Structures are given as structure tokens and as C-alpha cells.
Amino acid sequence: MKKTLEVTLLQLDNLYPYQKNLEKILKYLREYESSNLIVAPEVCLTGYDYENIQKACEFGDEAEEILKKSVKSQILIFTKLKKKSDGYYNEAIVIHKNRVIHRQSKHKLFLLGDEDKYLKRGLIDEIVPFEIDGVKYGILICFELRYKELWKRLEGVDVIVVPAHWGEPRKRHLEILSSALAVMNQCFVVVANSAKEDMAKSSSINSPNGGVIREDLTEVINCKIDLKLIKKIRKYIRM
């Protein structure tokens, strides 16, 4: 396993036209070329543009191809709207070394946001750990952070990534759950939330020992995390 991991969280608004969102991600990929892991918010390319969902899916597919060409040694994680044969999904994508190495569709849809009216639920079996360069990762998409049965599916991973579009009224819930998951699963939990006006922001890096780096005002959070801390905590407090 790597000893340290340089993490960059992008706390972005959804801009129109869609191309502006892609250009911003490409810009930060260049600026933070040394980062091992870059995470963008949920549906960062188009937002939940249900009125133009077909167009949003087409743009997402085009953007994926462009991003694959741009992501080399870095790991880029984000979600996008995706059309499949049986309907529309919110799909998380992991790009590394010019290829997609992991996909999973959102399993727990946010009913208050009417996601169930437009999107299909992904399979719970897609929520599984995956490994890159000796580091074990897992993904929970926004609302999925609330479900203890999903926490259990990612037991033993080193870093849980949460791309989010989490609303401001439940800001403290996001902060508490992110920190609790890090302590409970003895891992790092990194959250990249939307910066839209009605969103909670609170993008964060949560440590297994309870430490938190959290920011509301900046568009980028960048720091190195000490992966040796995971082994130390798990050895000290055996669960």
C-alpha cells in the first residue's frame, strides 16, 4: 500500500451550458496533476437536469470519453446520468490510466428529490470494494451514506469516496455521518459535495481517528492523507 495519498476534492456548482462543467474538471486535472485521487460531486457534469435527461446522458457519455484520454496516473471519481436499455441511472465512474476500472449505479434513491420518478435503482451487488495500486476503495453515492447495511458492504476498505449532491437543510447529517463512517469502518471517508446555492457544501476528508478537514467556501480541498494511520488504528482498536 502507498504510505500517503494526495487527495483533491472539487466542490463545484452546476453550470450551463454543460461544457463549462467539463472544462472546469479538465482544468483541475491539469492543475492537480500530482494528486493520486480527484473526486468531483454527484452529477457534476449536468446536474439533475430531468427536463433534458436524454441530452444530459448523451453529454455525459461524450465527457467520459474525453476524461478517459485526460486521466493518466490519477484516479478520477464522479457520477453522471446514464441511459441503459431499461431506463435512466445515476452511475458512479472510476477512471484510471485512460480507462474506466469501476462502475456502480446509485442503489438508494432520494425520494424527497423525486429521484425515483426519473431514475432506476442500481443493484446492491455493484457496491463492492475495488483496489488500485494496493489501496482498497469503496463508493457510496450521496444518500447511500445513511444506510448501515451499505457501510457493512465496504468493511475493510482504506478509503470510502462519497460524491454528493446533499441539501443544505440536512448539512449536519452529512457532517456527522461522514465522520461516523470513518470512525466505525476505521478508514478515510472523503466527501465531494455540490456547491450549488441550496446545497450543504461541507466537502471533507474524515480520518479514522476522528479528525476532519472540512470546507464550505473553497472550490478545491487538497491535502495528503497518511494511510499508515489506518493500520495503526485497526491494530490499536480491534473490531
C-alpha atoms as a PDB file:
ATOM      1  CA  MET A   1       0.000   0.000   0.000  1.00  0.00           C
ATOM      2  CA  LYS A   2       1.073   3.585  -0.598  1.00  0.00           C
ATOM      3  CA  LYS A   3       2.215   5.402   2.550  1.00  0.00           C
ATOM      4  CA  THR A   4       0.428   8.628   1.623  1.00  0.00           C
ATOM      5  CA  LEU A   5      -2.338   9.614  -0.755  1.00  0.00           C
ATOM      6  CA  GLU A   6      -2.746  13.108  -2.170  1.00  0.00           C
ATOM      7  CA  VAL A   7      -6.476  13.795  -2.337  1.00  0.00           C
ATOM      8  CA  THR A   8      -8.190  16.635  -4.219  1.00  0.00           C
ATOM      9  CA  LEU A   9     -11.903  17.294  -3.690  1.00  0.00           C
ATOM     10  CA  LEU A  10     -13.771  19.503  -6.161  1.00  0.00           C
ATOM     11  CA  GLN A  11     -16.675  21.397  -4.587  1.00  0.00           C
ATOM     12  CA  LEU A  12     -18.403  22.581  -7.758  1.00  0.00           C
ATOM     13  CA  ASP A  13     -21.622  24.274  -8.823  1.00  0.00           C
ATOM     14  CA  ASN A  14     -23.522  23.009 -11.873  1.00  0.00           C
ATOM     15  CA  LEU A  15     -23.015  25.458 -14.734  1.00  0.00           C
ATOM     16  CA  TYR A  16     -24.761  25.857 -18.075  1.00  0.00           C
ATOM     17  CA  PRO A  17     -24.057  25.001 -20.790  1.00  0.00           C
ATOM     18  CA  TYR A  18     -22.804  21.589 -19.668  1.00  0.00           C
ATOM     19  CA  GLN A  19     -19.478  22.123 -21.416  1.00  0.00           C
ATOM     20  CA  LYS A  20     -18.427  24.591 -18.701  1.00  0.00           C
ATOM     21  CA  ASN A  21     -18.560  21.817 -16.093  1.00  0.00           C
ATOM     22  CA  LEU A  22     -16.358  19.537 -18.166  1.00  0.00           C
ATOM     23  CA  GLU A  23     -13.875  22.331 -18.803  1.00  0.00           C
ATOM     24  CA  LYS A  24     -13.601  23.045 -15.079  1.00  0.00           C
ATOM     25  CA  ILE A  25     -12.858  19.394 -14.273  1.00  0.00           C
ATOM     26  CA  LEU A  26     -10.240  19.244 -17.040  1.00  0.00           C
ATOM     27  CA  LYS A  27      -8.683  22.428 -15.661  1.00  0.00           C
ATOM     28  CA  TYR A  28      -8.293  20.943 -12.188  1.00  0.00           C
ATOM     29  CA  LEU A  29      -6.950  17.670 -13.588  1.00  0.00           C
ATOM     30  CA  ARG A  30      -4.123  19.713 -15.090  1.00  0.00           C
ATOM     31  CA  GLU A  31      -3.585  21.920 -12.035  1.00  0.00           C
ATOM     32  CA  TYR A  32      -3.525  18.979  -9.604  1.00  0.00           C
ATOM     33  CA  GLU A  33      -1.580  16.587 -11.761  1.00  0.00           C
ATOM     34  CA  SER A  34       0.316  15.312  -8.703  1.00  0.00           C
ATOM     35  CA  SER A  35      -2.882  14.209  -6.942  1.00  0.00           C
ATOM     36  CA  ASN A  36      -3.448  10.490  -6.601  1.00  0.00           C
ATOM     37  CA  LEU A  37      -7.217  10.843  -6.154  1.00  0.00           C
ATOM     38  CA  ILE A  38      -9.551  13.530  -7.508  1.00  0.00           C
ATOM     39  CA  VAL A  39     -13.248  13.422  -6.609  1.00  0.00           C
ATOM     40  CA  ALA A  40     -15.992  15.556  -8.168  1.00  0.00           C
ATOM     41  CA  PRO A  41     -19.569  15.927  -6.858  1.00  0.00           C
ATOM     42  CA  GLU A  42     -22.542  13.802  -7.838  1.00  0.00           C
ATOM     43  CA  VAL A  43     -23.904  14.546 -11.350  1.00  0.00           C
ATOM     44  CA  CYS A  44     -21.206  17.232 -11.673  1.00  0.00           C
ATOM     45  CA  LEU A  45     -21.410  17.387 -15.469  1.00  0.00           C
ATOM     46  CA  THR A  46     -25.106  18.218 -15.873  1.00  0.00           C
ATOM     47  CA  GLY A  47     -26.828  18.321 -12.506  1.00  0.00           C
ATOM     48  CA  TYR A  48     -30.192  16.587 -12.167  1.00  0.00           C
ATOM     49  CA  ASP A  49     -31.487  18.052 -15.414  1.00  0.00           C
ATOM     50  CA  TYR A  50     -34.533  15.814 -15.716  1.00  0.00           C
ATOM     51  CA  GLU A  51     -36.204  18.058 -18.296  1.00  0.00           C
ATOM     52  CA  ASN A  52     -33.310  17.348 -20.660  1.00  0.00           C
ATOM     53  CA  ILE A  53     -32.303  13.946 -19.356  1.00  0.00           C
ATOM     54  CA  GLN A  54     -31.603  12.409 -22.764  1.00  0.00           C
ATOM     55  CA  LYS A  55     -29.331  15.317 -23.667  1.00  0.00           C
ATOM     56  CA  ALA A  56     -27.645  15.103 -20.244  1.00  0.00           C
ATOM     57  CA  CYS A  57     -26.919  11.400 -20.757  1.00  0.00           C
ATOM     58  CA  GLU A  58     -25.505  11.978 -24.230  1.00  0.00           C
ATOM     59  CA  PHE A  59     -23.224  14.721 -22.924  1.00  0.00           C
ATOM     60  CA  GLY A  60     -22.136  12.507 -20.033  1.00  0.00           C
ATOM     61  CA  ASP A  61     -21.098   9.747 -22.449  1.00  0.00           C
ATOM     62  CA  GLU A  62     -19.144  12.223 -24.576  1.00  0.00           C
ATOM     63  CA  ALA A  63     -17.478  13.730 -21.494  1.00  0.00           C
ATOM     64  CA  GLU A  64     -16.492  10.271 -20.243  1.00  0.00           C
ATOM     65  CA  GLU A  65     -14.531   9.627 -23.440  1.00  0.00           C
ATOM     66  CA  ILE A  66     -12.757  12.983 -23.144  1.00  0.00           C
ATOM     67  CA  LEU A  67     -11.926  12.422 -19.485  1.00  0.00           C
ATOM     68  CA  LYS A  68     -10.562   8.938 -20.179  1.00  0.00           C
ATOM     69  CA  LYS A  69      -7.996  10.481 -22.506  1.00  0.00           C
ATOM     70  CA  SER A  70      -7.006  13.033 -19.850  1.00  0.00           C
ATOM     71  CA  VAL A  71      -6.716  10.844 -16.738  1.00  0.00           C
ATOM     72  CA  LYS A  72      -3.407   9.018 -16.607  1.00  0.00           C
ATOM     73  CA  SER A  73      -1.745   8.219 -13.258  1.00  0.00           C
ATOM     74  CA  GLN A  74      -4.515   9.987 -11.314  1.00  0.00           C
ATOM     75  CA  ILE A  75      -7.775   8.407 -10.178  1.00  0.00           C
ATOM     76  CA  LEU A  76     -10.901  10.419 -11.049  1.00  0.00           C
ATOM     77  CA  ILE A  77     -14.246   9.567  -9.441  1.00  0.00           C
ATOM     78  CA  PHE A  78     -17.585  11.240 -10.243  1.00  0.00           C
ATOM     79  CA  THR A  79     -21.160  10.334 -11.171  1.00  0.00           C
ATOM     80  CA  LYS A  80     -23.222  11.056 -14.260  1.00  0.00           C
ATOM     81  CA  LEU A  81     -26.684  10.366 -15.629  1.00  0.00           C
ATOM     82  CA  LYS A  82     -26.633   7.245 -17.784  1.00  0.00           C
ATOM     83  CA  LYS A  83     -29.190   5.768 -20.172  1.00  0.00           C
ATOM     84  CA  LYS A  84     -29.385   1.978 -20.242  1.00  0.00           C
ATOM     85  CA  SER A  85     -31.752  -0.349 -22.081  1.00  0.00           C
ATOM     86  CA  ASP A  86     -34.301  -0.331 -19.254  1.00  0.00           C
ATOM     87  CA  GLY A  87     -34.154   3.327 -18.197  1.00  0.00           C
ATOM     88  CA  TYR A  88     -32.007   6.062 -16.675  1.00  0.00           C
ATOM     89  CA  TYR A  89     -29.482   5.651 -13.857  1.00  0.00           C
ATOM     90  CA  ASN A  90     -27.083   7.734 -11.765  1.00  0.00           C
ATOM     91  CA  GLU A  91     -23.753   5.988 -12.381  1.00  0.00           C
ATOM     92  CA  ALA A  92     -20.501   6.379 -10.486  1.00  0.00           C
ATOM     93  CA  ILE A  93     -17.376   6.045 -12.615  1.00  0.00           C
ATOM     94  CA  VAL A  94     -13.753   5.463 -11.665  1.00  0.00           C
ATOM     95  CA  ILE A  95     -11.185   6.407 -14.318  1.00  0.00           C
ATOM     96  CA  HIS A  96      -7.504   5.479 -14.007  1.00  0.00           C
ATOM     97  CA  LYS A  97      -4.781   5.208 -16.641  1.00  0.00           C
ATOM     98  CA  ASN A  98      -7.094   6.137 -19.511  1.00  0.00           C
ATOM     99  CA  ARG A  99      -9.776   3.563 -18.772  1.00  0.00           C
ATOM    100  CA  VAL A 100     -12.843   3.023 -16.614  1.00  0.00           C
ATOM    101  CA  ILE A 101     -11.966   0.453 -13.963  1.00  0.00           C
ATOM    102  CA  HIS A 102     -15.165   0.507 -11.893  1.00  0.00           C
ATOM    103  CA  ARG A 103     -18.810   1.452 -12.342  1.00  0.00           C
ATOM    104  CA  GLN A 104     -21.756   1.328  -9.967  1.00  0.00           C
ATOM    105  CA  SER A 105     -25.243   2.778 -10.206  1.00  0.00           C
ATOM    106  CA  LYS A 106     -26.926   4.509  -7.272  1.00  0.00           C
ATOM    107  CA  HIS A 107     -28.878   1.927  -5.291  1.00  0.00           C
ATOM    108  CA  LYS A 108     -30.623   4.131  -2.704  1.00  0.00           C
ATOM    109  CA  LEU A 109     -32.564   6.887  -4.445  1.00  0.00           C
ATOM    110  CA  PHE A 110     -33.505  10.100  -2.619  1.00  0.00           C
ATOM    111  CA  LEU A 111     -37.307  10.141  -2.612  1.00  0.00           C
ATOM    112  CA  LEU A 112     -37.558  13.760  -1.359  1.00  0.00           C
ATOM    113  CA  GLY A 113     -35.783  14.794  -4.542  1.00  0.00           C
ATOM    114  CA  ASP A 114     -38.093  12.684  -6.755  1.00  0.00           C
ATOM    115  CA  GLU A 115     -35.158  10.614  -7.985  1.00  0.00           C
ATOM    116  CA  ASP A 116     -37.389   7.538  -8.064  1.00  0.00           C
ATOM    117  CA  LYS A 117     -39.678   9.232 -10.604  1.00  0.00           C
ATOM    118  CA  TYR A 118     -36.894   9.555 -13.171  1.00  0.00           C
ATOM    119  CA  LEU A 119     -34.186   7.055 -12.292  1.00  0.00           C
ATOM    120  CA  LYS A 120     -33.867   3.312 -11.830  1.00  0.00           C
ATOM    121  CA  ARG A 121     -32.183   1.803  -8.767  1.00  0.00           C
ATOM    122  CA  GLY A 122     -28.801   0.204  -9.290  1.00  0.00           C
ATOM    123  CA  LEU A 123     -28.111  -3.280  -7.972  1.00  0.00           C
ATOM    124  CA  ILE A 124     -26.788  -3.519  -4.419  1.00  0.00           C
ATOM    125  CA  ASP A 125     -24.265  -6.072  -5.686  1.00  0.00           C
ATOM    126  CA  GLU A 126     -22.499  -3.261  -7.561  1.00  0.00           C
ATOM    127  CA  ILE A 127     -21.461  -1.707  -4.226  1.00  0.00           C
ATOM    128  CA  VAL A 128     -18.199  -3.577  -3.761  1.00  0.00           C
ATOM    129  CA  PRO A 129     -14.606  -2.704  -2.862  1.00  0.00           C
ATOM    130  CA  PHE A 130     -12.047  -2.270  -5.639  1.00  0.00           C
ATOM    131  CA  GLU A 131      -8.283  -1.908  -5.452  1.00  0.00           C
ATOM    132  CA  ILE A 132      -5.850   0.443  -7.203  1.00  0.00           C
ATOM    133  CA  ASP A 133      -2.106   0.405  -6.530  1.00  0.00           C
ATOM    134  CA  GLY A 134      -2.565  -1.538  -3.304  1.00  0.00           C
ATOM    135  CA  VAL A 135      -5.210   0.820  -1.861  1.00  0.00           C
ATOM    136  CA  LYS A 136      -8.739  -0.532  -1.326  1.00  0.00           C
ATOM    137  CA  TYR A 137     -11.575   1.852  -2.223  1.00  0.00           C
ATOM    138  CA  GLY A 138     -15.353   1.862  -1.996  1.00  0.00           C
ATOM    139  CA  ILE A 139     -18.029   4.301  -3.175  1.00  0.00           C
ATOM    140  CA  LEU A 140     -21.295   5.445  -1.619  1.00  0.00           C
ATOM    141  CA  ILE A 141     -23.322   7.923  -3.666  1.00  0.00           C
ATOM    142  CA  CYS A 142     -24.785  10.734  -1.557  1.00  0.00           C
ATOM    143  CA  PHE A 143     -27.991   9.437   0.125  1.00  0.00           C
ATOM    144  CA  GLU A 144     -26.453   5.949   0.396  1.00  0.00           C
ATOM    145  CA  LEU A 145     -24.302   7.330   3.224  1.00  0.00           C
ATOM    146  CA  ARG A 146     -27.319   6.918   5.544  1.00  0.00           C
ATOM    147  CA  TYR A 147     -27.568   3.125   5.256  1.00  0.00           C
ATOM    148  CA  LYS A 148     -25.693   0.899   7.713  1.00  0.00           C
ATOM    149  CA  GLU A 149     -26.135  -2.178   5.501  1.00  0.00           C
ATOM    150  CA  LEU A 150     -24.122  -0.362   2.830  1.00  0.00           C
ATOM    151  CA  TRP A 151     -21.422   0.598   5.349  1.00  0.00           C
ATOM    152  CA  LYS A 152     -21.041  -3.108   6.052  1.00  0.00           C
ATOM    153  CA  ARG A 153     -20.509  -3.916   2.370  1.00  0.00           C
ATOM    154  CA  LEU A 154     -17.381  -1.740   2.432  1.00  0.00           C
ATOM    155  CA  GLU A 155     -15.826  -3.052   5.637  1.00  0.00           C
ATOM    156  CA  GLY A 156     -12.049  -3.317   5.368  1.00  0.00           C
ATOM    157  CA  VAL A 157     -11.512  -0.719   2.646  1.00  0.00           C
ATOM    158  CA  ASP A 158      -8.955   2.057   3.132  1.00  0.00           C
ATOM    159  CA  VAL A 159     -10.847   4.949   1.512  1.00  0.00           C
ATOM    160  CA  ILE A 160     -14.596   5.420   1.033  1.00  0.00           C
ATOM    161  CA  VAL A 161     -15.436   8.030  -1.592  1.00  0.00           C
ATOM    162  CA  VAL A 162     -18.746   9.919  -1.422  1.00  0.00           C
ATOM    163  CA  PRO A 163     -19.709  12.029  -4.461  1.00  0.00           C
ATOM    164  CA  ALA A 164     -22.701  14.035  -3.199  1.00  0.00           C
ATOM    165  CA  HIS A 165     -25.499  16.444  -4.050  1.00  0.00           C
ATOM    166  CA  TRP A 166     -26.554  16.885  -0.416  1.00  0.00           C
ATOM    167  CA  GLY A 167     -29.019  19.623   0.511  1.00  0.00           C
ATOM    168  CA  GLU A 168     -28.327  22.440   2.965  1.00  0.00           C
ATOM    169  CA  PRO A 169     -31.245  21.601   5.349  1.00  0.00           C
ATOM    170  CA  ARG A 170     -29.509  18.324   6.255  1.00  0.00           C
ATOM    171  CA  LYS A 171     -25.963  19.742   6.430  1.00  0.00           C
ATOM    172  CA  ARG A 172     -25.228  18.436   9.943  1.00  0.00           C
ATOM    173  CA  HIS A 173     -26.392  14.967   8.919  1.00  0.00           C
ATOM    174  CA  LEU A 174     -23.774  14.891   6.167  1.00  0.00           C
ATOM    175  CA  GLU A 175     -21.040  16.011   8.539  1.00  0.00           C
ATOM    176  CA  ILE A 176     -21.964  13.576  11.319  1.00  0.00           C
ATOM    177  CA  LEU A 177     -22.462  10.555   9.059  1.00  0.00           C
ATOM    178  CA  SER A 178     -19.191  11.113   7.189  1.00  0.00           C
ATOM    179  CA  SER A 179     -17.204  11.309  10.402  1.00  0.00           C
ATOM    180  CA  ALA A 180     -19.045   8.371  11.975  1.00  0.00           C
ATOM    181  CA  LEU A 181     -18.420   6.139   8.968  1.00  0.00           C
ATOM    182  CA  ALA A 182     -14.689   6.913   9.094  1.00  0.00           C
ATOM    183  CA  VAL A 183     -14.501   6.000  12.790  1.00  0.00           C
ATOM    184  CA  MET A 184     -16.797   2.987  12.501  1.00  0.00           C
ATOM    185  CA  ASN A 185     -15.054   1.427   9.491  1.00  0.00           C
ATOM    186  CA  GLN A 186     -11.609   2.649  10.605  1.00  0.00           C
ATOM    187  CA  CYS A 187     -10.850   4.198   7.237  1.00  0.00           C
ATOM    188  CA  PHE A 188     -10.730   7.557   5.490  1.00  0.00           C
ATOM    189  CA  VAL A 189     -14.008   8.941   4.146  1.00  0.00           C
ATOM    190  CA  VAL A 190     -13.729  11.680   1.513  1.00  0.00           C
ATOM    191  CA  VAL A 191     -16.806  13.683   0.504  1.00  0.00           C
ATOM    192  CA  ALA A 192     -17.082  15.941  -2.547  1.00  0.00           C
ATOM    193  CA  ASN A 193     -20.382  17.794  -2.324  1.00  0.00           C
ATOM    194  CA  SER A 194     -22.078  20.201  -4.719  1.00  0.00           C
ATOM    195  CA  ALA A 195     -21.547  23.948  -4.260  1.00  0.00           C
ATOM    196  CA  LYS A 196     -24.990  24.908  -5.594  1.00  0.00           C
ATOM    197  CA  GLU A 197     -26.692  27.605  -3.527  1.00  0.00           C
ATOM    198  CA  ASP A 198     -29.146  25.173  -1.906  1.00  0.00           C
ATOM    199  CA  MET A 199     -26.536  22.511  -1.176  1.00  0.00           C
ATOM    200  CA  ALA A 200     -24.761  21.803   2.141  1.00  0.00           C
ATOM    201  CA  LYS A 201     -21.189  22.120   0.786  1.00  0.00           C
ATOM    202  CA  SER A 202     -19.249  20.582   3.756  1.00  0.00           C
ATOM    203  CA  SER A 203     -16.864  18.681   1.462  1.00  0.00           C
ATOM    204  CA  SER A 204     -14.467  16.880   3.750  1.00  0.00           C
ATOM    205  CA  ILE A 205     -11.685  14.435   4.458  1.00  0.00           C
ATOM    206  CA  ASN A 206     -12.561  12.361   7.528  1.00  0.00           C
ATOM    207  CA  SER A 207      -9.893  10.375   9.361  1.00  0.00           C
ATOM    208  CA  PRO A 208     -10.307   7.025  11.154  1.00  0.00           C
ATOM    209  CA  ASN A 209      -9.133   8.689  14.372  1.00  0.00           C
ATOM    210  CA  GLY A 210     -11.937  11.273  14.209  1.00  0.00           C
ATOM    211  CA  GLY A 211     -10.012  14.155  12.625  1.00  0.00           C
ATOM    212  CA  VAL A 212     -11.762  16.199   9.943  1.00  0.00           C
ATOM    213  CA  ILE A 213     -10.718  18.661   7.247  1.00  0.00           C
ATOM    214  CA  ARG A 214     -13.904  20.355   6.072  1.00  0.00           C
ATOM    215  CA  GLU A 215     -14.554  23.361   3.856  1.00  0.00           C
ATOM    216  CA  ASP A 216     -17.610  25.311   2.690  1.00  0.00           C
ATOM    217  CA  LEU A 217     -16.137  28.248   0.829  1.00  0.00           C
ATOM    218  CA  THR A 218     -13.387  26.946  -1.428  1.00  0.00           C
ATOM    219  CA  GLU A 219     -13.806  25.152  -4.730  1.00  0.00           C
ATOM    220  CA  VAL A 220     -10.865  22.832  -4.069  1.00  0.00           C
ATOM    221  CA  ILE A 221      -9.697  20.929  -0.991  1.00  0.00           C
ATOM    222  CA  ASN A 222      -6.257  19.379  -1.417  1.00  0.00           C
ATOM    223  CA  CYS A 223      -4.187  17.511   1.153  1.00  0.00           C
ATOM    224  CA  LYS A 224      -2.147  14.375   1.751  1.00  0.00           C
ATOM    225  CA  ILE A 225      -3.544  11.650   3.979  1.00  0.00           C
ATOM    226  CA  ASP A 226      -1.387   9.206   5.924  1.00  0.00           C
ATOM    227  CA  LEU A 227      -2.542   5.700   5.030  1.00  0.00           C
ATOM    228  CA  LYS A 228      -0.366   4.202   7.765  1.00  0.00           C
ATOM    229  CA  LEU A 229      -2.900   5.601  10.231  1.00  0.00           C
ATOM    230  CA  ILE A 230      -5.449   3.017   9.075  1.00  0.00           C
ATOM    231  CA  LYS A 231      -3.255   0.094  10.059  1.00  0.00           C
ATOM    232  CA  LYS A 232      -2.328   1.799  13.322  1.00  0.00           C
ATOM    233  CA  ILE A 233      -5.961   2.400  14.330  1.00  0.00           C
ATOM    234  CA  ARG A 234      -7.073  -1.114  13.356  1.00  0.00           C
ATOM    235  CA  LYS A 235      -4.234  -2.644  15.343  1.00  0.00           C
ATOM    236  CA  TYR A 236      -4.933  -0.430  18.355  1.00  0.00           C
ATOM    237  CA  ILE A 237      -8.727  -0.902  18.410  1.00  0.00           C
ATOM    238  CA  ARG A 238      -9.579  -4.349  17.068  1.00  0.00           C
ATOM    239  CA  MET A 239     -13.144  -4.767  15.840  1.00  0.00           C
END
